C-alpha atoms as a PDB file:
ATOM      1  CA  UNK A   1      16.014 210.224  23.086  1.00  0.00           C
ATOM      2  CA  UNK A   2      17.484 206.846  22.046  1.00  0.00           C
ATOM      3  CA  UNK A   3      20.767 207.707  23.890  1.00  0.00           C
ATOM      4  CA  UNK A   4      18.835 208.446  27.114  1.00  0.00           C
ATOM      5  CA  UNK A   5      17.062 205.082  26.873  1.00  0.00           C
ATOM      6  CA  UNK A   6      20.389 203.271  26.454  1.00  0.00           C
ATOM      7  CA  UNK A   7      21.762 205.120  29.502  1.00  0.00           C
ATOM      8  CA  UNK A   8      18.687 204.194  31.531  1.00  0.00           C
ATOM      9  CA  UNK A   9      19.103 200.565  30.480  1.00  0.00           C
ATOM     10  CA  UNK A  10      22.665 200.418  31.823  1.00  0.00           C
ATOM     11  CA  UNK A  11      21.606 202.159  35.014  1.00  0.00           C
ATOM     12  CA  UNK A  12      18.801 199.689  35.562  1.00  0.00           C
ATOM     13  CA  UNK A  13      21.121 196.735  35.023  1.00  0.00           C
ATOM     14  CA  UNK A  14      23.604 198.150  37.491  1.00  0.00           C
ATOM     15  CA  UNK A  15      20.911 198.725  40.087  1.00  0.00           C
ATOM     16  CA  UNK A  16      19.562 195.205  39.614  1.00  0.00           C
ATOM     17  CA  UNK A  17      23.031 193.712  40.112  1.00  0.00           C
ATOM     18  CA  UNK A  18      23.613 195.707  43.296  1.00  0.00           C
ATOM     19  CA  UNK A  19      20.289 194.584  44.733  1.00  0.00           C
ATOM     20  CA  UNK A  20      21.041 190.949  43.998  1.00  0.00           C
ATOM     21  CA  UNK A  21      24.430 191.228  45.648  1.00  0.00           C
ATOM     22  CA  UNK A  22      22.968 193.034  48.605  1.00  0.00           C
ATOM     23  CA  UNK A  23      20.324 190.458  49.413  1.00  0.00           C
ATOM     24  CA  UNK A  24      22.696 187.530  48.963  1.00  0.00           C
ATOM     25  CA  UNK A  25      20.886 184.262  49.087  1.00  0.00           C
ATOM     26  CA  UNK A  26      17.146 184.694  48.729  1.00  0.00           C
ATOM     27  CA  UNK A  27      14.368 182.155  48.405  1.00  0.00           C
ATOM     28  CA  UNK A  28      13.965 180.731  44.869  1.00  0.00           C
ATOM     29  CA  UNK A  29      10.439 182.155  44.523  1.00  0.00           C
ATOM     30  CA  UNK A  30      11.616 185.712  45.233  1.00  0.00           C
ATOM     31  CA  UNK A  31      14.539 185.286  42.859  1.00  0.00           C
ATOM     32  CA  UNK A  32      12.282 184.052  40.093  1.00  0.00           C
ATOM     33  CA  UNK A  33       9.883 186.955  40.652  1.00  0.00           C
ATOM     34  CA  UNK A  34      12.695 189.507  40.594  1.00  0.00           C
ATOM     35  CA  UNK A  35      14.186 187.963  37.425  1.00  0.00           C
ATOM     36  CA  UNK A  36      10.792 188.016  35.742  1.00  0.00           C
ATOM     37  CA  UNK A  37      10.322 191.666  36.640  1.00  0.00           C
ATOM     38  CA  UNK A  38      13.839 192.435  35.411  1.00  0.00           C
ATOM     39  CA  UNK A  39      13.259 190.669  32.057  1.00  0.00           C
ATOM     40  CA  UNK A  40       9.922 192.433  31.624  1.00  0.00           C
ATOM     41  CA  UNK A  41      11.528 195.815  32.291  1.00  0.00           C
ATOM     42  CA  UNK A  42      14.267 195.038  29.777  1.00  0.00           C
ATOM     43  CA  UNK A  43      11.671 194.168  27.121  1.00  0.00           C
ATOM     44  CA  UNK A  44       9.849 197.444  27.742  1.00  0.00           C
ATOM     45  CA  UNK A  45      13.100 199.368  27.505  1.00  0.00           C
ATOM     46  CA  UNK A  46      14.014 197.622  24.245  1.00  0.00           C
ATOM     47  CA  UNK A  47      10.563 198.360  22.871  1.00  0.00           C
ATOM     48  CA  UNK A  48      10.825 202.013  23.889  1.00  0.00           C
ATOM     49  CA  UNK A  49      14.259 202.236  22.293  1.00  0.00           C
ATOM     50  CA  UNK A  50      12.898 200.764  19.049  1.00  0.00           C
ATOM     51  CA  UNK A  51       9.941 203.156  19.064  1.00  0.00           C
ATOM     52  CA  UNK A  52      12.264 206.100  19.652  1.00  0.00           C
ATOM     53  CA  UNK A  53      14.404 205.150  16.642  1.00  0.00           C
ATOM     54  CA  UNK A  54      11.321 204.709  14.447  1.00  0.00           C
ATOM     55  CA  UNK A  55       9.921 208.071  15.547  1.00  0.00           C
ATOM     56  CA  UNK A  56      13.220 209.756  14.813  1.00  0.00           C
ATOM     57  CA  UNK A  57      13.361 208.196  11.310  1.00  0.00           C
ATOM     58  CA  UNK A  58       9.764 209.219  10.638  1.00  0.00           C
ATOM     59  CA  UNK A  59      10.492 212.777  11.742  1.00  0.00           C
ATOM     60  CA  UNK A  60      13.441 212.937   9.360  1.00  0.00           C
ATOM     61  CA  UNK A  61      11.279 211.631   6.500  1.00  0.00           C
ATOM     62  CA  UNK A  62       8.606 214.272   7.187  1.00  0.00           C
ATOM     63  CA  UNK A  63      11.274 216.965   7.234  1.00  0.00           C
ATOM     64  CA  UNK A  64      12.565 215.858   3.840  1.00  0.00           C
ATOM     65  CA  UNK A  65       9.014 215.860   2.459  1.00  0.00           C
ATOM     66  CA  UNK A  66       8.348 219.360   3.796  1.00  0.00           C
ATOM     67  CA  UNK A  67      11.599 220.619   2.273  1.00  0.00           C
ATOM     68  CA  UNK A  68      10.649 219.091  -1.083  1.00  0.00           C
ATOM     69  CA  UNK A  69       7.152 220.615  -0.944  1.00  0.00           C
ATOM     70  CA  UNK A  70       8.581 224.030  -0.134  1.00  0.00           C
ATOM     71  CA  UNK A  71      11.002 223.789  -3.068  1.00  0.00           C
ATOM     72  CA  UNK A  72       8.234 222.589  -5.395  1.00  0.00           C
ATOM     73  CA  UNK A  73       5.974 225.456  -4.372  1.00  0.00           C
ATOM     74  CA  UNK A  74       8.761 227.900  -5.206  1.00  0.00           C
ATOM     75  CA  UNK A  75       9.205 226.354  -8.664  1.00  0.00           C
ATOM     76  CA  UNK A  76       5.442 226.263  -9.287  1.00  0.00           C
ATOM     77  CA  UNK A  77       5.150 229.898  -8.294  1.00  0.00           C
ATOM     78  CA  UNK A  78       7.646 230.852 -10.985  1.00  0.00           C
ATOM     79  CA  UNK A  79       5.874 228.636 -13.525  1.00  0.00           C
ATOM     80  CA  UNK A  80       2.486 230.176 -12.728  1.00  0.00           C
ATOM     81  CA  UNK A  81       3.940 233.677 -13.143  1.00  0.00           C
ATOM     82  CA  UNK A  82       5.416 232.755 -16.518  1.00  0.00           C
ATOM     83  CA  UNK A  83       2.216 231.082 -17.743  1.00  0.00           C
ATOM     84  CA  UNK A  84       0.139 234.054 -16.577  1.00  0.00           C
ATOM     85  CA  UNK A  85       2.297 236.406 -18.641  1.00  0.00           C
ATOM     86  CA  UNK A  86       1.975 234.146 -21.697  1.00  0.00           C
ATOM     87  CA  UNK A  87      -1.788 233.910 -21.242  1.00  0.00           C
ATOM     88  CA  UNK A  88      -2.089 237.683 -21.034  1.00  0.00           C
ATOM     89  CA  UNK A  89      -0.155 238.046 -24.292  1.00  0.00           C
ATOM     90  CA  UNK A  90      -2.260 235.393 -26.037  1.00  0.00           C
ATOM     91  CA  UNK A  91      -5.473 237.010 -24.834  1.00  0.00           C
ATOM     92  CA  UNK A  92      -4.339 240.295 -26.337  1.00  0.00           C
ATOM     93  CA  UNK A  93      -3.598 238.625 -29.666  1.00  0.00           C
ATOM     94  CA  UNK A  94      -6.928 236.789 -29.549  1.00  0.00           C
ATOM     95  CA  UNK A  95      -8.819 240.037 -28.886  1.00  0.00           C
ATOM     96  CA  UNK A  96      -7.252 241.620 -31.974  1.00  0.00           C
ATOM     97  CA  UNK A  97      -8.139 238.627 -34.153  1.00  0.00           C
ATOM     98  CA  UNK A  98     -11.670 238.601 -32.749  1.00  0.00           C
ATOM     99  CA  UNK A  99     -12.063 242.267 -33.626  1.00  0.00           C
ATOM    100  CA  UNK A 100     -10.837 241.652 -37.174  1.00  0.00           C
ATOM    101  CA  UNK A 101     -13.148 238.676 -37.570  1.00  0.00           C
ATOM    102  CA  UNK A 102     -16.212 240.543 -36.399  1.00  0.00           C
ATOM    103  CA  UNK A 103     -15.327 243.536 -38.517  1.00  0.00           C
ATOM    104  CA  UNK A 104     -15.015 241.333 -41.570  1.00  0.00           C
ATOM    105  CA  UNK A 105     -18.314 239.538 -40.940  1.00  0.00           C
ATOM    106  CA  UNK A 106     -20.602 242.119 -39.405  1.00  0.00           C
ATOM    107  CA  UNK A 107     -19.915 245.537 -40.885  1.00  0.00           C
ATOM    108  CA  UNK A 108     -23.285 247.226 -41.081  1.00  0.00           C
ATOM    109  CA  UNK A 109     -24.572 246.874 -44.610  1.00  0.00           C
ATOM    110  CA  UNK A 110     -21.068 246.548 -45.978  1.00  0.00           C
ATOM    111  CA  UNK A 111     -20.025 243.768 -48.307  1.00  0.00           C
ATOM    112  CA  UNK A 112     -16.660 242.656 -49.621  1.00  0.00           C
ATOM    113  CA  UNK A 113     -16.411 243.600 -53.281  1.00  0.00           C
ATOM    114  CA  UNK A 114     -13.772 241.344 -54.801  1.00  0.00           C
ATOM    115  CA  UNK A 115     -12.477 241.873 -58.314  1.00  0.00           C
ATOM    116  CA  UNK A 116     -14.759 240.146 -60.803  1.00  0.00           C
ATOM    117  CA  UNK A 117     -12.024 237.778 -61.931  1.00  0.00           C
ATOM    118  CA  UNK A 118     -11.409 236.632 -58.335  1.00  0.00           C
ATOM    119  CA  UNK A 119     -15.112 236.272 -57.604  1.00  0.00           C
ATOM    120  CA  UNK A 120     -15.641 234.214 -60.761  1.00  0.00           C
ATOM    121  CA  UNK A 121     -12.625 231.999 -60.023  1.00  0.00           C
ATOM    122  CA  UNK A 122     -13.787 231.283 -56.476  1.00  0.00           C
ATOM    123  CA  UNK A 123     -17.343 230.603 -57.631  1.00  0.00           C
ATOM    124  CA  UNK A 124     -16.037 228.102 -60.167  1.00  0.00           C
ATOM    125  CA  UNK A 125     -13.759 226.577 -57.522  1.00  0.00           C
ATOM    126  CA  UNK A 126     -16.717 226.032 -55.163  1.00  0.00           C
ATOM    127  CA  UNK A 127     -18.862 224.592 -57.987  1.00  0.00           C
ATOM    128  CA  UNK A 128     -16.104 222.120 -58.821  1.00  0.00           C
ATOM    129  CA  UNK A 129     -15.828 221.007 -55.169  1.00  0.00           C
ATOM    130  CA  UNK A 130     -19.427 221.165 -53.856  1.00  0.00           C
ATOM    131  CA  UNK A 131     -18.917 218.473 -51.196  1.00  0.00           C
ATOM    132  CA  UNK A 132     -15.840 220.222 -49.854  1.00  0.00           C
ATOM    133  CA  UNK A 133     -16.296 223.973 -50.268  1.00  0.00           C
ATOM    134  CA  UNK A 134     -18.897 226.733 -49.999  1.00  0.00           C
ATOM    135  CA  UNK A 135     -18.200 230.255 -51.240  1.00  0.00           C
ATOM    136  CA  UNK A 136     -19.943 233.283 -49.728  1.00  0.00           C
ATOM    137  CA  UNK A 137     -19.394 235.914 -52.410  1.00  0.00           C
ATOM    138  CA  UNK A 138     -21.126 238.620 -50.348  1.00  0.00           C
ATOM    139  CA  UNK A 139     -18.586 238.466 -47.528  1.00  0.00           C
ATOM    140  CA  UNK A 140     -15.658 236.969 -49.429  1.00  0.00           C
ATOM    141  CA  UNK A 141     -15.546 233.777 -47.365  1.00  0.00           C
ATOM    142  CA  UNK A 142     -14.472 230.334 -48.564  1.00  0.00           C
ATOM    143  CA  UNK A 143     -15.760 227.645 -46.175  1.00  0.00           C
ATOM    144  CA  UNK A 144     -14.100 224.233 -46.042  1.00  0.00           C
ATOM    145  CA  UNK A 145     -16.397 221.581 -44.566  1.00  0.00           C
ATOM    146  CA  UNK A 146     -14.548 219.798 -41.778  1.00  0.00           C
ATOM    147  CA  UNK A 147     -16.210 216.418 -42.261  1.00  0.00           C
ATOM    148  CA  UNK A 148     -14.596 216.045 -45.698  1.00  0.00           C
ATOM    149  CA  UNK A 149     -11.559 218.274 -45.195  1.00  0.00           C
ATOM    150  CA  UNK A 150     -10.196 216.271 -42.233  1.00  0.00           C
ATOM    151  CA  UNK A 151     -10.231 212.734 -40.977  1.00  0.00           C
ATOM    152  CA  UNK A 152     -12.984 212.517 -38.332  1.00  0.00           C
ATOM    153  CA  UNK A 153     -11.310 214.776 -34.609  1.00  0.00           C
ATOM    154  CA  UNK A 154      -7.935 215.122 -36.517  1.00  0.00           C
ATOM    155  CA  UNK A 155      -6.278 218.214 -37.923  1.00  0.00           C
ATOM    156  CA  UNK A 156      -4.549 216.287 -40.704  1.00  0.00           C
ATOM    157  CA  UNK A 157      -5.763 217.360 -44.146  1.00  0.00           C
ATOM    158  CA  UNK A 158      -7.185 214.664 -46.371  1.00  0.00           C
ATOM    159  CA  UNK A 159      -5.460 214.208 -49.760  1.00  0.00           C
ATOM    160  CA  UNK A 160      -8.493 215.461 -51.683  1.00  0.00           C
ATOM    161  CA  UNK A 161      -8.716 218.527 -49.436  1.00  0.00           C
ATOM    162  CA  UNK A 162      -5.009 219.254 -49.859  1.00  0.00           C
ATOM    163  CA  UNK A 163      -5.409 219.043 -53.640  1.00  0.00           C
ATOM    164  CA  UNK A 164      -8.329 221.509 -53.512  1.00  0.00           C
ATOM    165  CA  UNK A 165      -6.360 223.896 -51.280  1.00  0.00           C
ATOM    166  CA  UNK A 166      -3.523 223.838 -53.806  1.00  0.00           C
ATOM    167  CA  UNK A 167      -5.973 225.072 -56.452  1.00  0.00           C
ATOM    168  CA  UNK A 168      -7.365 227.637 -53.982  1.00  0.00           C
ATOM    169  CA  UNK A 169      -3.841 228.951 -53.391  1.00  0.00           C
ATOM    170  CA  UNK A 170      -3.409 229.520 -57.131  1.00  0.00           C
ATOM    171  CA  UNK A 171      -6.460 231.781 -57.077  1.00  0.00           C
ATOM    172  CA  UNK A 172      -5.195 233.653 -54.016  1.00  0.00           C
ATOM    173  CA  UNK A 173      -1.849 234.205 -55.725  1.00  0.00           C
ATOM    174  CA  UNK A 174      -3.443 235.593 -58.882  1.00  0.00           C
ATOM    175  CA  UNK A 175      -2.616 239.229 -59.702  1.00  0.00           C
ATOM    176  CA  UNK A 176      -6.098 240.430 -58.720  1.00  0.00           C
ATOM    177  CA  UNK A 177      -6.166 238.606 -55.324  1.00  0.00           C
ATOM    178  CA  UNK A 178      -2.528 238.716 -54.235  1.00  0.00           C
ATOM    179  CA  UNK A 179      -2.877 242.006 -52.309  1.00  0.00           C
ATOM    180  CA  UNK A 180      -5.676 240.856 -49.997  1.00  0.00           C
ATOM    181  CA  UNK A 181      -5.092 239.730 -46.426  1.00  0.00           C
ATOM    182  CA  UNK A 182      -6.476 236.378 -45.317  1.00  0.00           C
ATOM    183  CA  UNK A 183      -7.842 235.100 -42.038  1.00  0.00           C
ATOM    184  CA  UNK A 184      -8.193 231.353 -41.517  1.00  0.00           C
ATOM    185  CA  UNK A 185     -10.760 230.612 -38.789  1.00  0.00           C
ATOM    186  CA  UNK A 186     -11.470 227.142 -37.381  1.00  0.00           C
ATOM    187  CA  UNK A 187     -14.892 226.235 -35.938  1.00  0.00           C
ATOM    188  CA  UNK A 188     -16.399 223.127 -34.296  1.00  0.00           C
ATOM    189  CA  UNK A 189     -19.795 222.014 -33.101  1.00  0.00           C
ATOM    190  CA  UNK A 190     -20.671 222.068 -29.397  1.00  0.00           C
ATOM    191  CA  UNK A 191     -19.980 218.379 -28.689  1.00  0.00           C
ATOM    192  CA  UNK A 192     -17.197 218.109 -26.138  1.00  0.00           C
ATOM    193  CA  UNK A 193     -13.975 216.267 -26.918  1.00  0.00           C
ATOM    194  CA  UNK A 194     -13.946 213.228 -24.645  1.00  0.00           C
ATOM    195  CA  UNK A 195     -12.320 210.442 -26.652  1.00  0.00           C
ATOM    196  CA  UNK A 196      -8.900 209.651 -25.196  1.00  0.00           C
ATOM    197  CA  UNK A 197      -7.381 208.938 -28.614  1.00  0.00           C
ATOM    198  CA  UNK A 198      -8.360 212.422 -29.808  1.00  0.00           C
ATOM    199  CA  UNK A 199      -6.914 214.008 -26.668  1.00  0.00           C
ATOM    200  CA  UNK A 200      -3.668 212.061 -27.028  1.00  0.00           C
ATOM    201  CA  UNK A 201      -3.337 213.524 -30.523  1.00  0.00           C
ATOM    202  CA  UNK A 202      -3.154 216.971 -28.879  1.00  0.00           C
ATOM    203  CA  UNK A 203      -6.758 218.074 -29.465  1.00  0.00           C
ATOM    204  CA  UNK A 204      -7.627 218.460 -25.780  1.00  0.00           C
ATOM    205  CA  UNK A 205     -10.865 220.348 -26.397  1.00  0.00           C
ATOM    206  CA  UNK A 206     -12.714 222.178 -29.170  1.00  0.00           C
ATOM    207  CA  UNK A 207     -10.485 225.231 -28.825  1.00  0.00           C
ATOM    208  CA  UNK A 208      -7.413 223.150 -29.629  1.00  0.00           C
ATOM    209  CA  UNK A 209      -9.129 221.254 -32.441  1.00  0.00           C
ATOM    210  CA  UNK A 210     -10.459 224.359 -34.184  1.00  0.00           C
ATOM    211  CA  UNK A 211      -7.086 226.110 -33.861  1.00  0.00           C
ATOM    212  CA  UNK A 212      -5.114 223.113 -35.104  1.00  0.00           C
ATOM    213  CA  UNK A 213      -7.376 222.748 -38.142  1.00  0.00           C
ATOM    214  CA  UNK A 214      -7.012 226.438 -38.992  1.00  0.00           C
ATOM    215  CA  UNK A 215      -3.234 226.108 -38.691  1.00  0.00           C
ATOM    216  CA  UNK A 216      -3.249 223.092 -41.040  1.00  0.00           C
ATOM    217  CA  UNK A 217      -5.104 225.052 -43.726  1.00  0.00           C
ATOM    218  CA  UNK A 218      -2.873 228.087 -43.214  1.00  0.00           C
ATOM    219  CA  UNK A 219       0.289 226.017 -43.551  1.00  0.00           C
ATOM    220  CA  UNK A 220      -1.070 224.291 -46.660  1.00  0.00           C
ATOM    221  CA  UNK A 221      -1.614 227.716 -48.251  1.00  0.00           C
ATOM    222  CA  UNK A 222       1.841 228.837 -47.180  1.00  0.00           C
ATOM    223  CA  UNK A 223       3.346 225.704 -48.727  1.00  0.00           C
ATOM    224  CA  UNK A 224       1.828 226.845 -52.032  1.00  0.00           C
ATOM    225  CA  UNK A 225       3.623 230.210 -51.839  1.00  0.00           C
ATOM    226  CA  UNK A 226       0.810 232.249 -50.331  1.00  0.00           C
ATOM    227  CA  UNK A 227       2.807 234.903 -48.466  1.00  0.00           C
ATOM    228  CA  UNK A 228       2.740 234.171 -44.720  1.00  0.00           C
ATOM    229  CA  UNK A 229       2.444 237.925 -44.047  1.00  0.00           C
ATOM    230  CA  UNK A 230      -1.031 237.743 -45.545  1.00  0.00           C
ATOM    231  CA  UNK A 231      -2.239 234.927 -43.306  1.00  0.00           C
ATOM    232  CA  UNK A 232      -3.699 235.010 -39.784  1.00  0.00           C
ATOM    233  CA  UNK A 233      -5.098 231.901 -38.099  1.00  0.00           C
ATOM    234  CA  UNK A 234      -7.506 231.634 -35.190  1.00  0.00           C
ATOM    235  CA  UNK A 235      -9.704 228.981 -33.542  1.00  0.00           C
ATOM    236  CA  UNK A 236     -13.199 229.778 -32.254  1.00  0.00           C
ATOM    237  CA  UNK A 237     -14.269 226.319 -31.038  1.00  0.00           C
ATOM    238  CA  UNK A 238     -18.105 226.333 -30.918  1.00  0.00           C
ATOM    239  CA  UNK A 239     -18.489 230.058 -30.209  1.00  0.00           C
ATOM    240  CA  UNK A 240     -19.668 231.106 -33.700  1.00  0.00           C
ATOM    241  CA  UNK A 241     -22.262 228.535 -34.855  1.00  0.00           C
ATOM    242  CA  UNK A 242     -24.019 229.094 -38.167  1.00  0.00           C
ATOM    243  CA  UNK A 243     -26.721 226.515 -37.449  1.00  0.00           C
ATOM    244  CA  UNK A 244     -28.335 224.752 -34.496  1.00  0.00           C
ATOM    245  CA  UNK A 245     -26.202 222.247 -32.603  1.00  0.00           C
ATOM    246  CA  UNK A 246     -29.380 220.338 -31.803  1.00  0.00           C
ATOM    247  CA  UNK A 247     -29.363 218.387 -35.069  1.00  0.00           C
ATOM    248  CA  UNK A 248     -26.801 216.347 -36.985  1.00  0.00           C
ATOM    249  CA  UNK A 249     -27.176 218.589 -40.028  1.00  0.00           C
ATOM    250  CA  UNK A 250     -26.667 221.720 -37.940  1.00  0.00           C
ATOM    251  CA  UNK A 251     -23.590 220.351 -36.214  1.00  0.00           C
ATOM    252  CA  UNK A 252     -22.115 219.376 -39.602  1.00  0.00           C
ATOM    253  CA  UNK A 253     -22.525 222.977 -40.804  1.00  0.00           C
ATOM    254  CA  UNK A 254     -20.825 224.289 -37.669  1.00  0.00           C
ATOM    255  CA  UNK A 255     -17.773 222.107 -38.227  1.00  0.00           C
ATOM    256  CA  UNK A 256     -15.870 224.205 -40.732  1.00  0.00           C
ATOM    257  CA  UNK A 257     -12.705 226.154 -41.541  1.00  0.00           C
ATOM    258  CA  UNK A 258     -13.348 229.560 -43.070  1.00  0.00           C
ATOM    259  CA  UNK A 259     -10.880 231.572 -45.124  1.00  0.00           C
ATOM    260  CA  UNK A 260     -11.881 235.223 -45.058  1.00  0.00           C
ATOM    261  CA  UNK A 261     -10.565 237.399 -47.857  1.00  0.00           C
ATOM    262  CA  UNK A 262     -10.364 240.658 -45.953  1.00  0.00           C
ATOM    263  CA  UNK A 263     -11.277 243.990 -47.525  1.00  0.00           C
ATOM    264  CA  UNK A 264      -8.087 245.514 -46.155  1.00  0.00           C
ATOM    265  CA  UNK A 265      -5.117 245.128 -48.493  1.00  0.00           C
ATOM    266  CA  UNK A 266      -1.579 244.198 -47.529  1.00  0.00           C
ATOM    267  CA  UNK A 267       0.446 247.006 -49.145  1.00  0.00           C
ATOM    268  CA  UNK A 268       3.757 245.202 -48.714  1.00  0.00           C
ATOM    269  CA  UNK A 269       2.630 242.180 -50.710  1.00  0.00           C
ATOM    270  CA  UNK A 270       1.841 243.825 -54.027  1.00  0.00           C
ATOM    271  CA  UNK A 271       1.527 247.161 -55.773  1.00  0.00           C
ATOM    272  CA  UNK A 272      -1.267 248.840 -57.655  1.00  0.00           C
ATOM    273  CA  UNK A 273      -0.971 249.754 -61.321  1.00  0.00           C
ATOM    274  CA  UNK A 274      -2.232 253.033 -62.645  1.00  0.00           C
ATOM    275  CA  UNK A 275      -5.459 251.293 -63.674  1.00  0.00           C
ATOM    276  CA  UNK A 276      -5.991 249.976 -60.149  1.00  0.00           C
ATOM    277  CA  UNK A 277      -5.100 246.372 -60.971  1.00  0.00           C
ATOM    278  CA  UNK A 278      -2.936 244.684 -58.365  1.00  0.00           C
ATOM    279  CA  UNK A 279       0.361 243.053 -59.204  1.00  0.00           C
ATOM    280  CA  UNK A 280       1.578 240.309 -56.893  1.00  0.00           C
ATOM    281  CA  UNK A 281       4.853 240.333 -55.059  1.00  0.00           C
ATOM    282  CA  UNK A 282       7.610 238.147 -56.366  1.00  0.00           C
ATOM    283  CA  UNK A 283       7.320 234.517 -55.391  1.00  0.00           C
ATOM    284  CA  UNK A 284       9.779 233.237 -52.789  1.00  0.00           C
ATOM    285  CA  UNK A 285      13.217 232.304 -54.078  1.00  0.00           C
ATOM    286  CA  UNK A 286      12.672 228.694 -53.141  1.00  0.00           C
ATOM    287  CA  UNK A 287       9.720 226.366 -53.084  1.00  0.00           C
ATOM    288  CA  UNK A 288       9.032 224.877 -49.646  1.00  0.00           C
ATOM    289  CA  UNK A 289       9.672 221.191 -49.527  1.00  0.00           C
ATOM    290  CA  UNK A 290       6.632 219.027 -49.057  1.00  0.00           C
ATOM    291  CA  UNK A 291       7.074 216.685 -46.140  1.00  0.00           C
ATOM    292  CA  UNK A 292       5.610 213.240 -46.503  1.00  0.00           C
ATOM    293  CA  UNK A 293       3.822 212.447 -43.273  1.00  0.00           C
ATOM    294  CA  UNK A 294       3.076 209.051 -41.880  1.00  0.00           C
ATOM    295  CA  UNK A 295      -0.513 207.916 -42.044  1.00  0.00           C
ATOM    296  CA  UNK A 296      -2.360 208.726 -38.830  1.00  0.00           C
ATOM    297  CA  UNK A 297      -5.318 206.932 -37.263  1.00  0.00           C
ATOM    298  CA  UNK A 298      -8.739 208.476 -37.758  1.00  0.00           C
ATOM    299  CA  UNK A 299      -9.079 210.625 -34.645  1.00  0.00           C
ATOM    300  CA  UNK A 300     -11.998 212.853 -35.617  1.00  0.00           C
ATOM    301  CA  UNK A 301     -14.305 213.737 -32.761  1.00  0.00           C
ATOM    302  CA  UNK A 302     -16.939 214.757 -35.290  1.00  0.00           C
ATOM    303  CA  UNK A 303     -20.015 212.650 -35.782  1.00  0.00           C
ATOM    304  CA  UNK A 304     -19.424 209.222 -37.275  1.00  0.00           C
ATOM    305  CA  UNK A 305     -20.956 208.590 -40.664  1.00  0.00           C
ATOM    306  CA  UNK A 306     -20.261 212.037 -42.100  1.00  0.00           C
ATOM    307  CA  UNK A 307     -16.934 210.735 -43.401  1.00  0.00           C
ATOM    308  CA  UNK A 308     -16.695 208.465 -46.422  1.00  0.00           C
ATOM    309  CA  UNK A 309     -13.339 207.166 -45.225  1.00  0.00           C
ATOM    310  CA  UNK A 310     -13.460 203.490 -44.238  1.00  0.00           C
ATOM    311  CA  UNK A 311     -10.858 203.899 -41.521  1.00  0.00           C
ATOM    312  CA  UNK A 312     -12.052 203.574 -37.892  1.00  0.00           C
ATOM    313  CA  UNK A 313     -13.711 206.654 -36.421  1.00  0.00           C
ATOM    314  CA  UNK A 314     -12.987 207.770 -32.851  1.00  0.00           C
ATOM    315  CA  UNK A 315     -16.030 209.816 -31.912  1.00  0.00           C
ATOM    316  CA  UNK A 316     -15.408 212.460 -29.258  1.00  0.00           C
END
């Protein structure tokens, strides 16, 4: 289009020159009028030429944008397909863990009968740590209270909680308990995670927070030589409350990490003696190294005031 305008400009100039030559001497007024008209036409042609170039550049820019969008859509389509497959796999794993959890908690009239030595050790453990732990001897569940196990919205174990878990691991590794499978289940209250500091720490919602806390407890047990083949971890967010979320006390009870000592036994971990007493598997050849972690800010989304820590609390 720009080339046509340039061609028209030259044609117009040629025509104007011919007309001027043809008329020869004309009155000054007519000459001035013709020159004015000529200059005006030239300005319009220049403006049209400029507009044509701008339109052409804009069209090229739109074409590049459309090409980029088309390429991006192709990449996103592949990403969505991949994420869908991963989600399907995770949902299958979650369904299995959910089934195990419900089976462990809600078997009709059935209780978990732990060896007397294990039951007594766990009862003593809970009595020695009443602010941190509850023990449900009927169902074989050790409950760690989140408000004192973690810094308020964080999944980082407090030093006192880590020390208690070390003692708990000793009980789980005892000859009578070493053959039992374990499920570590994280739970939260129903308050939504909204604090940006908590989200930046990776706890985007209650599902993430409950899962991350369960993983922290599971890894702490594993660090104390509890066989990883015995341990399953799962996060339930606020889906399994044990009290009302309408009160502070109820929400505090709902914030917890439970370790279920499952009635099923992991045959590969230990063997049974003729008398029925379990013998633990050999401890790993090496002791996992403890990693010293940098202190983290208090990112707990849980209610402020439940923690005795004097560090700042980021309420979700």
